[in-house]
Amino acid sequence: MRHSNRLWTELLTEFLAFSLLTASVALLWRNNLLLFAVALAECLLALALWHDQLSVSFFLIIATLGTLAEAVFVRFGIWHYANPTLLGIPLWFPLAFGTTGLLGARLARTVAAMWERVRPS
């Protein structure tokens, strides 16, 4: 039971972190520098909570690939940002995208662990 409570706590923490990041972007997108600072703080907090090499790798890979893909999409006119900074992308985007990737990976690992607990042997 104790292991199960830890997983539920982890799941709740991950959902709260995702909700905070989503709310930050939704509310602060008009101010790139402020949102960059908030996203950086949220990113550093997430990495402090989940600082294993796999989590750092998820963050770096998703932030890099997501930003590169986004630059291509913006360049070809697929969509645009209302408040871009460089290459048509807001300054905060790599941090927010990488942190979302980190949180998504953490959520997937937590849910997988929960399924392992309830799956019949």
N, C-alpha and C. Protein backbone atom coordinates (compact mmCIF):
# COMPACT_ATOMS: atom_id res chain seq x y z
N MET A 1 0.83 -1.20 0.00
CA MET A 1 0.00 0.00 0.00
C MET A 1 0.87 1.26 0.00
N ARG A 2 1.98 1.21 0.73
CA ARG A 2 2.85 2.38 0.83
C ARG A 2 3.42 2.75 -0.54
N HIS A 3 3.81 1.74 -1.31
CA HIS A 3 4.34 1.97 -2.66
C HIS A 3 3.26 2.60 -3.54
N SER A 4 2.02 2.14 -3.39
CA SER A 4 0.90 2.67 -4.17
C SER A 4 0.66 4.15 -3.84
N ASN A 5 0.72 4.51 -2.58
CA ASN A 5 0.55 5.91 -2.17
C ASN A 5 1.64 6.80 -2.76
N ARG A 6 2.87 6.27 -2.79
CA ARG A 6 3.98 7.04 -3.37
C ARG A 6 3.73 7.30 -4.85
N LEU A 7 3.24 6.29 -5.56
CA LEU A 7 2.95 6.47 -6.98
C LEU A 7 1.84 7.49 -7.21
N TRP A 8 0.81 7.45 -6.38
CA TRP A 8 -0.27 8.44 -6.53
C TRP A 8 0.23 9.85 -6.23
N THR A 9 1.10 9.97 -5.22
CA THR A 9 1.69 11.27 -4.90
C THR A 9 2.54 11.76 -6.06
N GLU A 10 3.32 10.86 -6.65
CA GLU A 10 4.15 11.21 -7.80
C GLU A 10 3.28 11.65 -8.98
N LEU A 11 2.22 10.91 -9.25
CA LEU A 11 1.31 11.25 -10.34
C LEU A 11 0.69 12.63 -10.12
N LEU A 12 0.25 12.90 -8.93
CA LEU A 12 -0.34 14.19 -8.60
C LEU A 12 0.68 15.32 -8.77
N THR A 13 1.90 15.10 -8.30
CA THR A 13 2.96 16.09 -8.45
C THR A 13 3.24 16.39 -9.92
N GLU A 14 3.28 15.36 -10.73
CA GLU A 14 3.55 15.54 -12.17
C GLU A 14 2.41 16.30 -12.85
N PHE A 15 1.17 15.95 -12.51
CA PHE A 15 0.02 16.67 -13.09
C PHE A 15 0.00 18.13 -12.63
N LEU A 16 0.33 18.37 -11.38
CA LEU A 16 0.38 19.75 -10.89
C LEU A 16 1.48 20.55 -11.60
N ALA A 17 2.62 19.95 -11.81
CA ALA A 17 3.72 20.62 -12.52
C ALA A 17 3.30 20.95 -13.95
N PHE A 18 2.65 20.01 -14.61
CA PHE A 18 2.16 20.24 -15.97
C PHE A 18 1.11 21.35 -15.98
N SER A 19 0.20 21.33 -15.03
CA SER A 19 -0.85 22.35 -14.95
C SER A 19 -0.26 23.73 -14.70
N LEU A 20 0.74 23.81 -13.84
CA LEU A 20 1.41 25.08 -13.57
C LEU A 20 2.09 25.63 -14.82
N LEU A 21 2.79 24.77 -15.54
CA LEU A 21 3.46 25.20 -16.76
C LEU A 21 2.43 25.66 -17.80
N THR A 22 1.37 24.91 -17.96
CA THR A 22 0.33 25.28 -18.92
C THR A 22 -0.31 26.61 -18.55
N ALA A 23 -0.63 26.79 -17.29
CA ALA A 23 -1.22 28.05 -16.84
C ALA A 23 -0.25 29.21 -17.03
N SER A 24 1.02 28.98 -16.78
CA SER A 24 2.03 30.04 -16.95
C SER A 24 2.07 30.51 -18.40
N VAL A 25 2.10 29.57 -19.34
CA VAL A 25 2.14 29.93 -20.75
C VAL A 25 0.86 30.65 -21.15
N ALA A 26 -0.29 30.13 -20.72
CA ALA A 26 -1.57 30.73 -21.08
C ALA A 26 -1.71 32.15 -20.55
N LEU A 27 -1.18 32.40 -19.37
CA LEU A 27 -1.36 33.71 -18.74
C LEU A 27 -0.25 34.71 -19.05
N LEU A 28 0.95 34.24 -19.36
CA LEU A 28 2.10 35.14 -19.47
C LEU A 28 2.68 35.25 -20.88
N TRP A 29 2.08 34.67 -21.91
CA TRP A 29 2.67 34.60 -23.24
C TRP A 29 2.96 35.97 -23.84
N ARG A 30 2.28 37.00 -23.38
CA ARG A 30 2.50 38.34 -23.95
C ARG A 30 3.83 38.96 -23.52
N ASN A 31 4.41 38.45 -22.44
CA ASN A 31 5.67 38.99 -21.91
C ASN A 31 6.74 37.89 -21.98
N ASN A 32 7.49 37.90 -23.06
CA ASN A 32 8.48 36.83 -23.30
C ASN A 32 9.51 36.71 -22.18
N LEU A 33 10.02 37.82 -21.70
CA LEU A 33 11.06 37.75 -20.66
C LEU A 33 10.51 37.21 -19.34
N LEU A 34 9.34 37.67 -18.96
CA LEU A 34 8.74 37.17 -17.72
C LEU A 34 8.43 35.69 -17.84
N LEU A 35 7.84 35.29 -18.96
CA LEU A 35 7.51 33.87 -19.14
C LEU A 35 8.78 33.03 -19.23
N PHE A 36 9.83 33.56 -19.85
CA PHE A 36 11.11 32.84 -19.88
C PHE A 36 11.61 32.59 -18.46
N ALA A 37 11.56 33.62 -17.61
CA ALA A 37 12.02 33.48 -16.22
C ALA A 37 11.17 32.47 -15.45
N VAL A 38 9.86 32.53 -15.63
CA VAL A 38 8.96 31.59 -14.94
C VAL A 38 9.18 30.17 -15.46
N ALA A 39 9.28 30.02 -16.78
CA ALA A 39 9.51 28.69 -17.37
C ALA A 39 10.86 28.13 -16.93
N LEU A 40 11.86 28.99 -16.83
CA LEU A 40 13.17 28.54 -16.35
C LEU A 40 13.08 28.05 -14.91
N ALA A 41 12.38 28.79 -14.07
CA ALA A 41 12.21 28.37 -12.67
C ALA A 41 11.46 27.04 -12.60
N GLU A 42 10.41 26.89 -13.40
CA GLU A 42 9.66 25.65 -13.40
C GLU A 42 10.50 24.49 -13.93
N CYS A 43 11.30 24.76 -14.95
CA CYS A 43 12.20 23.75 -15.52
C CYS A 43 13.22 23.31 -14.48
N LEU A 44 13.85 24.26 -13.83
CA LEU A 44 14.86 23.94 -12.82
C LEU A 44 14.25 23.17 -11.64
N LEU A 45 13.03 23.53 -11.26
CA LEU A 45 12.35 22.81 -10.19
C LEU A 45 12.06 21.37 -10.62
N ALA A 46 11.57 21.20 -11.85
CA ALA A 46 11.31 19.85 -12.35
C ALA A 46 12.59 19.03 -12.41
N LEU A 47 13.67 19.64 -12.89
CA LEU A 47 14.94 18.91 -12.95
C LEU A 47 15.50 18.63 -11.56
N ALA A 48 15.22 19.50 -10.60
CA ALA A 48 15.64 19.24 -9.22
C ALA A 48 14.87 18.06 -8.63
N LEU A 49 13.58 17.97 -8.96
CA LEU A 49 12.76 16.85 -8.47
C LEU A 49 13.14 15.55 -9.16
N TRP A 50 13.39 15.62 -10.46
CA TRP A 50 13.64 14.43 -11.27
C TRP A 50 14.95 14.63 -12.01
N HIS A 51 16.06 14.44 -11.34
CA HIS A 51 17.35 14.80 -11.91
C HIS A 51 18.20 13.62 -12.37
N ASP A 52 17.57 12.49 -12.65
CA ASP A 52 18.39 11.40 -13.17
C ASP A 52 18.79 11.69 -14.62
N GLN A 53 19.75 10.95 -15.11
CA GLN A 53 20.26 11.20 -16.46
C GLN A 53 19.19 11.03 -17.52
N LEU A 54 18.29 10.10 -17.32
CA LEU A 54 17.22 9.88 -18.28
C LEU A 54 16.31 11.11 -18.37
N SER A 55 15.99 11.70 -17.24
CA SER A 55 15.13 12.89 -17.24
C SER A 55 15.82 14.08 -17.91
N VAL A 56 17.07 14.27 -17.60
CA VAL A 56 17.82 15.36 -18.23
C VAL A 56 17.91 15.12 -19.74
N SER A 57 18.12 13.87 -20.13
CA SER A 57 18.17 13.54 -21.55
C SER A 57 16.83 13.82 -22.24
N PHE A 58 15.72 13.42 -21.59
CA PHE A 58 14.40 13.72 -22.16
C PHE A 58 14.24 15.22 -22.37
N PHE A 59 14.61 15.99 -21.36
CA PHE A 59 14.47 17.44 -21.48
C PHE A 59 15.28 17.97 -22.66
N LEU A 60 16.55 17.62 -22.73
CA LEU A 60 17.42 18.16 -23.78
C LEU A 60 16.99 17.73 -25.18
N ILE A 61 16.64 16.47 -25.33
CA ILE A 61 16.23 15.98 -26.64
C ILE A 61 14.93 16.62 -27.09
N ILE A 62 13.93 16.63 -26.23
CA ILE A 62 12.63 17.21 -26.60
C ILE A 62 12.75 18.71 -26.82
N ALA A 63 13.49 19.41 -25.98
CA ALA A 63 13.66 20.86 -26.16
C ALA A 63 14.33 21.16 -27.49
N THR A 64 15.36 20.41 -27.83
CA THR A 64 16.09 20.65 -29.08
C THR A 64 15.27 20.26 -30.30
N LEU A 65 14.76 19.04 -30.32
CA LEU A 65 14.00 18.59 -31.48
C LEU A 65 12.70 19.37 -31.65
N GLY A 66 12.03 19.65 -30.54
CA GLY A 66 10.79 20.42 -30.61
C GLY A 66 11.01 21.82 -31.15
N THR A 67 12.07 22.45 -30.71
CA THR A 67 12.38 23.81 -31.18
C THR A 67 12.78 23.81 -32.64
N LEU A 68 13.57 22.84 -33.05
CA LEU A 68 13.94 22.75 -34.47
C LEU A 68 12.72 22.52 -35.35
N ALA A 69 11.87 21.60 -34.95
CA ALA A 69 10.65 21.34 -35.72
C ALA A 69 9.77 22.59 -35.75
N GLU A 70 9.65 23.24 -34.65
CA GLU A 70 8.82 24.44 -34.57
C GLU A 70 9.35 25.53 -35.49
N ALA A 71 10.66 25.71 -35.53
CA ALA A 71 11.26 26.71 -36.42
C ALA A 71 10.94 26.39 -37.88
N VAL A 72 10.97 25.12 -38.24
CA VAL A 72 10.62 24.71 -39.61
C VAL A 72 9.15 25.00 -39.88
N PHE A 73 8.28 24.62 -38.97
CA PHE A 73 6.85 24.84 -39.16
C PHE A 73 6.52 26.32 -39.31
N VAL A 74 7.12 27.14 -38.47
CA VAL A 74 6.89 28.58 -38.55
C VAL A 74 7.45 29.14 -39.86
N ARG A 75 8.63 28.69 -40.23
CA ARG A 75 9.28 29.17 -41.47
C ARG A 75 8.44 28.88 -42.71
N PHE A 76 7.78 27.72 -42.73
CA PHE A 76 6.97 27.34 -43.88
C PHE A 76 5.52 27.81 -43.77
N GLY A 77 5.23 28.62 -42.76
CA GLY A 77 3.92 29.23 -42.65
C GLY A 77 2.82 28.32 -42.15
N ILE A 78 3.16 27.20 -41.56
CA ILE A 78 2.14 26.29 -41.05
C ILE A 78 1.37 26.95 -39.92
N TRP A 79 2.05 27.68 -39.08
CA TRP A 79 1.45 28.52 -38.06
C TRP A 79 2.44 29.59 -37.65
N HIS A 80 2.01 30.45 -36.77
CA HIS A 80 2.88 31.51 -36.29
C HIS A 80 2.55 31.82 -34.83
N TYR A 81 3.48 32.48 -34.18
CA TYR A 81 3.29 32.89 -32.80
C TYR A 81 2.96 34.37 -32.76
N ALA A 82 2.11 34.74 -31.85
CA ALA A 82 1.69 36.14 -31.73
C ALA A 82 2.81 37.02 -31.19
N ASN A 83 3.76 36.43 -30.47
CA ASN A 83 4.81 37.22 -29.84
C ASN A 83 6.17 36.52 -30.01
N PRO A 84 6.66 36.41 -31.25
CA PRO A 84 7.93 35.69 -31.47
C PRO A 84 9.15 36.50 -31.05
N THR A 85 10.24 35.79 -30.79
CA THR A 85 11.49 36.43 -30.41
C THR A 85 12.57 36.20 -31.45
N LEU A 86 12.83 34.93 -31.79
CA LEU A 86 13.89 34.56 -32.72
C LEU A 86 13.40 33.42 -33.60
N LEU A 87 13.63 33.54 -34.89
CA LEU A 87 13.20 32.52 -35.85
C LEU A 87 11.69 32.26 -35.79
N GLY A 88 10.94 33.27 -35.37
CA GLY A 88 9.50 33.15 -35.30
C GLY A 88 8.98 32.44 -34.06
N ILE A 89 9.89 32.13 -33.14
CA ILE A 89 9.53 31.36 -31.94
C ILE A 89 9.79 32.22 -30.70
N PRO A 90 8.91 32.16 -29.72
CA PRO A 90 9.14 32.90 -28.48
C PRO A 90 10.36 32.35 -27.72
N LEU A 91 11.00 33.21 -26.98
CA LEU A 91 12.18 32.88 -26.19
C LEU A 91 11.94 31.72 -25.22
N TRP A 92 10.76 31.66 -24.67
CA TRP A 92 10.44 30.68 -23.65
C TRP A 92 10.12 29.29 -24.22
N PHE A 93 9.91 29.19 -25.52
CA PHE A 93 9.43 27.95 -26.11
C PHE A 93 10.31 26.73 -25.81
N PRO A 94 11.63 26.79 -26.03
CA PRO A 94 12.44 25.59 -25.76
C PRO A 94 12.32 25.09 -24.32
N LEU A 95 12.29 26.02 -23.37
CA LEU A 95 12.14 25.62 -21.96
C LEU A 95 10.79 24.97 -21.71
N ALA A 96 9.73 25.59 -22.21
CA ALA A 96 8.39 25.04 -21.99
C ALA A 96 8.23 23.70 -22.68
N PHE A 97 8.73 23.59 -23.91
CA PHE A 97 8.58 22.35 -24.65
C PHE A 97 9.41 21.23 -24.02
N GLY A 98 10.64 21.55 -23.64
CA GLY A 98 11.49 20.56 -22.99
C GLY A 98 10.94 20.11 -21.66
N THR A 99 10.41 21.05 -20.89
CA THR A 99 9.83 20.70 -19.59
C THR A 99 8.58 19.85 -19.78
N THR A 100 7.79 20.16 -20.80
CA THR A 100 6.62 19.34 -21.10
C THR A 100 7.05 17.92 -21.48
N GLY A 101 8.11 17.80 -22.26
CA GLY A 101 8.63 16.48 -22.60
C GLY A 101 9.10 15.72 -21.37
N LEU A 102 9.79 16.42 -20.48
CA LEU A 102 10.24 15.82 -19.23
C LEU A 102 9.04 15.34 -18.41
N LEU A 103 8.03 16.19 -18.30
CA LEU A 103 6.85 15.82 -17.51
C LEU A 103 6.09 14.67 -18.17
N GLY A 104 6.00 14.69 -19.49
CA GLY A 104 5.34 13.60 -20.19
C GLY A 104 6.04 12.27 -19.97
N ALA A 105 7.35 12.30 -20.01
CA ALA A 105 8.12 11.08 -19.76
C ALA A 105 7.92 10.60 -18.33
N ARG A 106 7.93 11.52 -17.39
CA ARG A 106 7.72 11.16 -15.99
C ARG A 106 6.32 10.59 -15.78
N LEU A 107 5.32 11.22 -16.38
CA LEU A 107 3.96 10.72 -16.27
C LEU A 107 3.85 9.30 -16.85
N ALA A 108 4.46 9.09 -17.99
CA ALA A 108 4.41 7.76 -18.62
C ALA A 108 5.08 6.71 -17.73
N ARG A 109 6.20 7.05 -17.11
CA ARG A 109 6.88 6.11 -16.23
C ARG A 109 6.05 5.81 -14.99
N THR A 110 5.42 6.84 -14.44
CA THR A 110 4.59 6.65 -13.25
C THR A 110 3.37 5.80 -13.56
N VAL A 111 2.70 6.10 -14.67
CA VAL A 111 1.52 5.32 -15.05
C VAL A 111 1.92 3.87 -15.34
N ALA A 112 3.05 3.66 -16.00
CA ALA A 112 3.52 2.30 -16.26
C ALA A 112 3.77 1.55 -14.95
N ALA A 113 4.36 2.22 -13.97
CA ALA A 113 4.60 1.60 -12.67
C ALA A 113 3.28 1.26 -11.98
N MET A 114 2.30 2.13 -12.13
CA MET A 114 0.99 1.86 -11.53
C MET A 114 0.33 0.65 -12.19
N TRP A 115 0.44 0.54 -13.50
CA TRP A 115 -0.12 -0.59 -14.22
C TRP A 115 0.57 -1.89 -13.80
N GLU A 116 1.86 -1.81 -13.59
CA GLU A 116 2.60 -3.00 -13.15
C GLU A 116 2.07 -3.50 -11.81
N ARG A 117 1.65 -2.59 -10.95
CA ARG A 117 1.14 -2.95 -9.63
C ARG A 117 -0.21 -3.66 -9.70
N VAL A 118 -1.04 -3.31 -10.68
CA VAL A 118 -2.38 -3.88 -10.76
C VAL A 118 -2.49 -5.02 -11.77
N ARG A 119 -1.51 -5.17 -12.61
CA ARG A 119 -1.52 -6.22 -13.63
C ARG A 119 -1.36 -7.59 -12.97
N PRO A 120 -2.20 -8.53 -13.36
CA PRO A 120 -2.05 -9.88 -12.77
C PRO A 120 -0.73 -10.52 -13.21
N SER A 121 -0.13 -11.26 -12.31
CA SER A 121 1.16 -11.92 -12.59
C SER A 121 1.01 -13.13 -13.47
